[in-house]
Protein backbone atom coordinates (compact mmCIF):
# COMPACT_ATOMS: atom_id res chain seq x y z
CA MET A 1 52.62 40.72 322.68
CA ARG A 2 51.24 40.36 326.18
CA ALA A 3 52.29 42.73 328.95
CA ASP A 4 53.75 39.87 331.02
CA GLU A 5 56.03 38.93 328.10
CA ARG A 6 57.27 42.52 327.95
CA SER A 7 57.96 42.66 331.65
CA ALA A 8 59.83 39.37 331.42
CA GLY A 9 62.31 41.13 329.12
CA ASN A 10 61.30 39.54 325.83
CA ARG A 11 64.07 40.38 323.38
CA HIS A 12 61.62 41.19 320.60
CA ASP A 13 59.74 43.86 322.53
CA PRO A 14 59.20 46.65 319.98
CA ASP A 15 58.70 49.22 322.74
CA ARG A 16 62.04 48.75 324.44
CA PRO A 17 64.89 51.24 323.80
CA GLY A 18 67.08 50.19 320.91
CA ALA A 19 64.43 47.87 319.49
CA GLY A 20 64.72 47.17 315.82
CA ALA A 21 68.47 47.59 315.62
CA ASN A 22 69.24 44.05 316.75
CA PRO A 23 66.54 41.86 318.27
CA ASP A 24 69.16 39.60 319.82
CA LEU A 25 70.35 42.23 322.29
CA ALA A 26 69.42 41.92 325.92
CA PRO A 27 66.86 44.34 327.32
CA ALA A 28 67.94 47.41 329.30
CA GLN A 29 68.90 46.45 332.83
CA GLY A 30 70.90 48.31 335.47
CA LEU A 31 73.67 50.25 333.75
CA TYR A 32 73.25 48.32 330.49
CA ASP A 33 71.15 49.83 327.71
CA PRO A 34 71.12 48.34 324.19
CA ARG A 35 70.89 51.85 322.73
CA PHE A 36 74.59 52.22 323.43
CA GLU A 37 75.60 49.04 321.60
CA HIS A 38 77.83 49.61 318.60
CA ASP A 39 80.55 47.92 316.65
CA ALA A 40 82.73 48.84 313.75
CA CYS A 41 85.60 46.40 313.71
CA GLY A 42 86.23 43.82 311.10
CA VAL A 43 89.19 41.52 311.48
CA ASN A 44 90.73 39.15 308.95
CA PHE A 45 93.54 36.72 309.57
CA ILE A 46 95.53 35.57 306.57
CA VAL A 47 98.47 33.35 307.37
CA HIS A 48 100.64 30.65 305.93
CA MET A 49 100.15 27.73 308.29
CA LYS A 50 103.88 26.95 308.23
CA GLY A 51 104.91 30.56 308.85
CA LEU A 52 106.33 31.15 305.39
CA ARG A 53 106.59 34.80 304.39
CA SER A 54 105.48 36.02 301.00
CA HIS A 55 104.26 39.14 299.29
CA GLU A 56 101.24 37.10 298.18
CA ILE A 57 100.03 36.97 301.80
CA VAL A 58 100.34 40.76 302.03
CA GLN A 59 98.35 41.11 298.78
CA HIS A 60 95.63 38.84 300.18
CA GLY A 61 95.61 40.96 303.35
CA ILE A 62 95.11 44.14 301.35
CA GLY A 63 92.31 42.43 299.42
CA ALA A 64 90.70 41.46 302.72
CA LEU A 65 90.86 45.07 303.89
CA CYS A 66 89.15 46.16 300.68
CA ASN A 67 86.40 43.64 301.37
CA LEU A 68 85.87 45.22 304.79
CA GLN A 69 85.35 48.73 303.46
CA HIS A 70 81.73 48.62 304.61
CA ARG A 71 82.97 48.21 308.21
CA GLY A 72 85.04 51.40 308.22
CA ALA A 73 83.88 54.88 309.01
CA LEU A 74 83.78 57.44 306.23
CA GLY A 75 83.27 61.15 306.63
CA SER A 76 81.84 63.55 304.12
CA GLU A 77 84.80 62.76 301.85
CA LEU A 78 84.68 59.26 300.43
CA ASN A 79 88.48 59.11 300.39
CA THR A 80 88.89 59.97 304.07
CA GLY A 81 88.19 57.09 306.43
CA ASP A 82 89.20 55.88 309.85
CA GLY A 83 92.13 53.84 308.60
CA ALA A 84 93.24 50.24 308.74
CA GLY A 85 96.42 48.33 309.24
CA ILE A 86 98.24 45.11 308.58
CA LEU A 87 100.39 43.29 311.11
CA LEU A 88 103.12 41.20 309.53
CA GLN A 89 106.40 39.52 310.28
CA ILE A 90 109.52 41.64 310.06
CA PRO A 91 110.77 41.32 306.47
CA ASP A 92 114.43 41.08 307.47
CA ALA A 93 115.89 40.58 303.97
CA TYR A 94 114.04 43.66 302.74
CA TYR A 95 115.15 45.85 305.66
CA GLN A 96 118.75 44.65 305.37
CA GLU A 97 118.61 45.94 301.80
CA VAL A 98 116.84 49.30 302.24
CA VAL A 99 117.87 50.84 305.56
CA PRO A 100 120.88 53.18 305.41
CA PHE A 101 122.52 51.69 308.53
CA ASP A 102 123.66 48.27 309.72
CA LEU A 103 121.11 45.93 311.27
CA PRO A 104 121.91 42.96 313.49
CA ARG A 105 120.84 39.52 312.35
CA GLU A 106 117.16 38.63 312.27
CA GLY A 107 115.51 38.43 315.67
CA ARG A 108 118.00 40.80 317.29
CA TYR A 109 116.28 44.07 316.39
CA ALA A 110 112.80 45.49 316.70
CA THR A 111 111.06 48.05 314.56
CA GLY A 112 107.96 50.20 314.69
CA ILE A 113 106.32 53.08 312.89
CA GLY A 114 106.15 56.48 314.55
CA PHE A 115 103.42 58.94 313.59
CA LEU A 116 105.39 62.12 314.25
CA PRO A 117 104.37 65.77 313.99
CA ARG A 118 104.95 67.31 310.56
CA ASP A 119 106.34 70.46 312.13
CA PRO A 120 110.15 69.95 312.05
CA ALA A 121 110.76 71.35 315.55
CA LYS A 122 107.97 69.27 317.10
CA GLY A 123 109.12 66.21 315.16
CA ALA A 124 112.70 66.63 316.42
CA HIS A 125 111.38 67.01 319.98
CA ALA A 126 109.36 63.79 319.61
CA VAL A 127 112.38 61.89 318.26
CA GLU A 128 114.51 63.14 321.17
CA ALA A 129 111.86 62.09 323.71
CA ILE A 130 111.47 58.66 322.09
CA GLU A 131 115.22 58.08 322.07
CA LYS A 132 115.44 58.98 325.78
CA ILE A 133 112.74 56.42 326.59
CA VAL A 134 114.52 53.78 324.48
CA ALA A 135 117.81 54.43 326.31
CA SER A 136 116.16 54.42 329.74
CA GLU A 137 114.86 50.91 329.00
CA GLY A 138 118.38 49.68 328.21
CA LEU A 139 117.92 49.58 324.45
CA ARG A 140 119.68 51.54 321.73
CA VAL A 141 118.37 53.24 318.62
CA LEU A 142 119.93 51.77 315.50
CA GLY A 143 118.43 54.43 313.28
CA TRP A 144 115.36 55.96 311.73
CA ARG A 145 114.00 55.38 308.25
CA GLU A 146 111.67 57.72 306.40
CA VAL A 147 108.79 55.54 305.28
CA PRO A 148 107.92 55.85 301.59
CA ILE A 149 104.24 56.69 301.24
CA ASP A 150 101.74 57.33 298.48
CA ASP A 151 99.19 59.82 299.79
CA SER A 152 97.80 60.71 296.37
CA MET A 153 94.43 59.11 297.17
CA ILE A 154 93.68 60.65 300.56
CA GLY A 155 91.16 63.44 300.98
CA SER A 156 91.91 66.99 302.04
CA MET A 157 90.70 66.34 305.61
CA ALA A 158 93.13 63.44 305.98
CA ARG A 159 95.92 65.44 304.35
CA GLU A 160 95.49 68.22 306.93
CA THR A 161 96.29 65.81 309.77
CA GLU A 162 98.67 63.44 307.98
CA PRO A 163 101.66 62.71 310.24
CA ASP A 164 105.30 62.30 309.32
CA PHE A 165 105.77 58.52 309.11
CA GLN A 166 109.14 57.48 310.51
CA GLN A 167 110.32 53.94 311.19
CA LEU A 168 112.39 53.30 314.30
CA PHE A 169 114.83 50.41 314.59
CA LEU A 170 116.20 49.42 317.98
CA ALA A 171 118.18 46.66 319.63
CA GLY A 172 119.44 45.61 323.03
CA ASP A 173 122.66 43.89 324.01
CA GLY A 174 121.97 40.21 324.51
CA LEU A 175 118.25 40.58 323.76
CA ALA A 176 116.56 38.68 320.97
CA ASP A 177 113.22 37.35 319.85
CA LEU A 178 110.59 37.25 322.63
CA ASP A 179 112.77 39.00 325.23
CA LEU A 180 113.36 41.87 322.81
CA ASP A 181 109.67 41.93 321.86
CA ARG A 182 108.71 42.32 325.52
CA LYS A 183 111.14 45.19 326.03
CA ALA A 184 110.00 46.88 322.80
CA TYR A 185 106.40 46.58 324.02
CA ILE A 186 107.30 48.43 327.22
CA VAL A 187 109.02 51.13 325.15
CA ARG A 188 105.94 51.50 322.95
CA LYS A 189 103.57 51.78 325.91
CA ARG A 190 105.80 54.37 327.58
CA ILE A 191 105.96 56.41 324.37
CA GLU A 192 102.17 56.32 324.07
CA HIS A 193 101.65 57.40 327.68
CA GLU A 194 104.53 59.83 328.15
CA ILE A 195 104.55 61.54 324.77
CA GLY A 196 101.07 60.81 323.45
CA ASP A 197 99.74 63.53 321.19
CA ASP A 198 102.35 66.16 322.16
């Protein structure tokens, strides 16, 4: 390669920082340096084009996550990784059956998973703080549900930091669907910022 090609920022310059990792990256310039490029996300979308809900879609989603194992970070324990998740529609019929309290009709309640401290006193403090935020936003807590989990496959490092998984259900008078979603989003962001890792 000629010197003038290097100075012109040829992407295949073997002498540039970060060379060899990805020849399609731009050369270092200003605050940008290809040595700091990284990625680790893999995203799959599995949907029914008509919005129909089924456990089959969830199974396909789990299969897709398994196919992305190479994109996740693993530590020294092969069974301790950086985690993954699935976003799905609220399975109203299921929740109406399993929660130990009354739920409004579909679209009139919101739900989310809380990763609470395992220490009972700290967990109770977190629940109290969350419920205050919910009330201050004009919503009401319908109840909490202990999420059934199977942690038999996680490594000891993950087990040491495993949270208490609790599911929160909330509603607001006269709020439904998108209006309720917006309000629940504000509640979630406030919880993240005001409580955080406490």
